[in-house]
Protein backbone atom coordinates (compact mmCIF):
# COMPACT_ATOMS: atom_id res chain seq x y z
CA UNK A 1 27.79 -1.85 31.37
CA UNK A 2 26.25 -5.18 30.35
CA UNK A 3 26.51 -6.72 26.89
CA UNK A 4 22.83 -5.97 26.34
CA UNK A 5 23.42 -2.27 26.97
CA UNK A 6 26.15 -2.23 24.29
CA UNK A 7 23.69 -3.15 21.52
CA UNK A 8 22.96 -0.01 19.49
CA UNK A 9 19.30 0.89 19.09
CA UNK A 10 18.15 2.80 16.04
CA UNK A 11 14.86 4.63 16.33
CA UNK A 12 13.30 5.56 12.97
CA UNK A 13 11.45 8.80 12.73
CA UNK A 14 7.90 8.62 11.34
CA UNK A 15 9.15 10.49 8.26
CA UNK A 16 11.26 7.47 7.26
CA UNK A 17 8.16 5.43 6.42
CA UNK A 18 6.68 8.30 4.44
CA UNK A 19 9.97 8.83 2.64
CA UNK A 20 9.93 5.32 1.20
CA UNK A 21 6.92 6.50 -0.86
CA UNK A 22 9.35 8.76 -2.69
CA UNK A 23 10.63 5.74 -4.63
CA UNK A 24 7.28 5.43 -6.40
CA UNK A 25 6.71 9.16 -6.92
CA UNK A 26 8.96 9.55 -10.01
CA UNK A 27 7.24 6.56 -11.61
CA UNK A 28 3.80 8.05 -10.93
CA UNK A 29 4.93 11.28 -12.61
CA UNK A 30 6.18 9.28 -15.62
CA UNK A 31 2.75 7.62 -15.82
CA UNK A 32 1.12 11.08 -15.64
CA UNK A 33 3.28 12.34 -18.54
CA UNK A 34 2.51 9.19 -20.55
CA UNK A 35 -1.21 9.67 -19.96
CA UNK A 36 -0.89 13.26 -21.11
CA UNK A 37 0.85 12.08 -24.34
CA UNK A 38 -1.87 9.48 -24.91
CA UNK A 39 -4.57 12.12 -24.51
CA UNK A 40 -2.77 14.72 -26.60
CA UNK A 41 -1.63 12.68 -29.61
CA UNK A 42 -2.52 9.02 -29.06
CA UNK A 43 1.02 7.92 -28.18
CA UNK A 44 1.07 4.73 -26.10
CA UNK A 45 3.75 4.00 -23.50
CA UNK A 46 4.87 0.75 -21.85
CA UNK A 47 6.85 0.75 -18.59
CA UNK A 48 8.66 -2.40 -17.46
CA UNK A 49 8.14 -2.57 -13.70
CA UNK A 50 10.50 -5.52 -13.25
CA UNK A 51 13.33 -3.24 -14.39
CA UNK A 52 12.48 -0.64 -11.71
CA UNK A 53 14.61 -0.43 -8.57
CA UNK A 54 11.71 -0.87 -6.16
CA UNK A 55 12.36 -0.92 -2.45
CA UNK A 56 10.29 -2.86 0.07
CA UNK A 57 6.63 -1.93 -0.25
CA UNK A 58 7.03 0.29 -3.33
CA UNK A 59 5.08 -2.01 -5.64
CA UNK A 60 2.22 -2.30 -3.15
CA UNK A 61 2.11 1.50 -2.71
CA UNK A 62 2.11 1.99 -6.49
CA UNK A 63 -0.79 -0.42 -6.99
CA UNK A 64 -2.68 1.06 -4.05
CA UNK A 65 -2.38 4.54 -5.58
CA UNK A 66 -3.40 3.33 -9.05
CA UNK A 67 -6.36 1.38 -7.69
CA UNK A 68 -8.82 -0.62 -9.79
CA UNK A 69 -10.87 0.58 -12.71
CA UNK A 70 -13.85 -0.86 -14.54
CA UNK A 71 -12.15 -3.42 -16.78
CA UNK A 72 -10.08 -6.53 -16.21
CA UNK A 73 -9.22 -9.63 -18.21
CA UNK A 74 -7.51 -12.96 -17.57
CA UNK A 75 -5.63 -14.85 -20.28
CA UNK A 76 -4.39 -18.42 -20.19
CA UNK A 77 -1.77 -18.82 -22.91
CA UNK A 78 1.62 -20.30 -21.94
CA UNK A 79 0.82 -19.21 -18.37
CA UNK A 80 -1.63 -16.86 -16.70
CA UNK A 81 -1.81 -13.20 -17.62
CA UNK A 82 -3.91 -10.60 -15.88
CA UNK A 83 -4.79 -7.26 -17.37
CA UNK A 84 -6.60 -4.63 -15.38
CA UNK A 85 -7.31 -0.99 -15.89
CA UNK A 86 -6.38 1.27 -13.00
CA UNK A 87 -8.76 3.86 -11.58
CA UNK A 88 -7.19 6.21 -14.13
CA UNK A 89 -8.68 5.38 -17.53
CA UNK A 90 -5.96 4.48 -20.01
CA UNK A 91 -3.50 3.23 -17.37
CA UNK A 92 -3.31 -0.58 -17.42
CA UNK A 93 -1.46 -3.00 -15.14
CA UNK A 94 -0.37 -6.17 -16.92
CA UNK A 95 1.21 -9.18 -15.24
CA UNK A 96 2.40 -12.38 -16.96
CA UNK A 97 3.23 -15.59 -15.13
CA UNK A 98 4.89 -18.74 -16.45
CA UNK A 99 3.01 -22.02 -16.57
CA UNK A 100 4.67 -22.74 -13.21
CA UNK A 101 3.20 -19.56 -11.69
CA UNK A 102 6.44 -17.53 -11.59
CA UNK A 103 6.08 -13.84 -12.50
CA UNK A 104 7.88 -13.25 -15.81
CA UNK A 105 6.65 -9.77 -16.69
CA UNK A 106 4.99 -6.84 -14.96
CA UNK A 107 4.28 -3.63 -16.75
CA UNK A 108 2.19 -0.52 -16.91
CA UNK A 109 0.75 0.25 -20.34
CA UNK A 110 -0.65 3.70 -20.91
CA UNK A 111 -2.83 3.11 -23.93
CA UNK A 112 -6.40 2.94 -25.17
CA UNK A 113 -6.27 -0.86 -25.31
CA UNK A 114 -3.34 -3.06 -24.21
CA UNK A 115 -1.52 -4.73 -27.08
CA UNK A 116 -2.09 -8.20 -25.62
CA UNK A 117 -5.87 -7.74 -26.00
CA UNK A 118 -5.72 -6.65 -29.64
CA UNK A 119 -6.49 -9.35 -32.17
CA UNK A 120 -3.48 -10.11 -34.36
CA UNK A 121 -3.92 -9.98 -38.17
CA UNK A 122 -3.06 -13.70 -38.49
CA UNK A 123 -5.77 -14.58 -35.98
CA UNK A 124 -8.30 -12.46 -37.85
CA UNK A 125 -7.41 -14.35 -41.05
CA UNK A 126 -7.83 -17.70 -39.29
CA UNK A 127 -11.17 -16.54 -37.87
CA UNK A 128 -12.31 -15.46 -41.33
CA UNK A 129 -11.39 -18.85 -42.82
CA UNK A 130 -13.07 -20.75 -39.96
CA UNK A 131 -16.28 -18.73 -40.21
CA UNK A 132 -16.45 -19.09 -43.97
CA UNK A 133 -15.98 -22.87 -43.67
CA UNK A 134 -18.60 -23.09 -40.92
CA UNK A 135 -21.11 -21.16 -43.01
CA UNK A 136 -20.46 -23.34 -46.06
CA UNK A 137 -21.26 -26.48 -44.07
CA UNK A 138 -24.66 -25.18 -43.02
CA UNK A 139 -27.49 -26.71 -45.00
CA UNK A 140 -30.17 -24.48 -46.44
CA UNK A 141 -33.01 -24.07 -43.96
CA UNK A 142 -30.91 -25.43 -41.07
CA UNK A 143 -31.07 -23.30 -37.95
CA UNK A 144 -27.90 -21.42 -37.16
């Protein structure tokens, strides 16, 4: 027997590839239950995907299943953030990156509108003050 013949060969059954999908299945059921709670009583849920024990390919399979919906947004504040609705209305995929481009957060929000897109009360106050000041500086008869 040669040294080459002593090397063990492992042949994976086709079911092994399909079984790796099972790592995402519990998460998809959690998203389903969260969507049911949102529909039933308006309760929002956030799931931290960076805390999930994903195996190779799990994240890609999750995103492939969730697909893309009608809405997406990009934010540039202390790094890039992308927000996109999945093909299931109310299920949002949110990713934050540092100013250097490193992923710092990845989550699923099951909600009517992701928290990051909601205007904060302080910002509304600043907008109110800025608009009032801008209107006061307009001269009578001046076009807006």
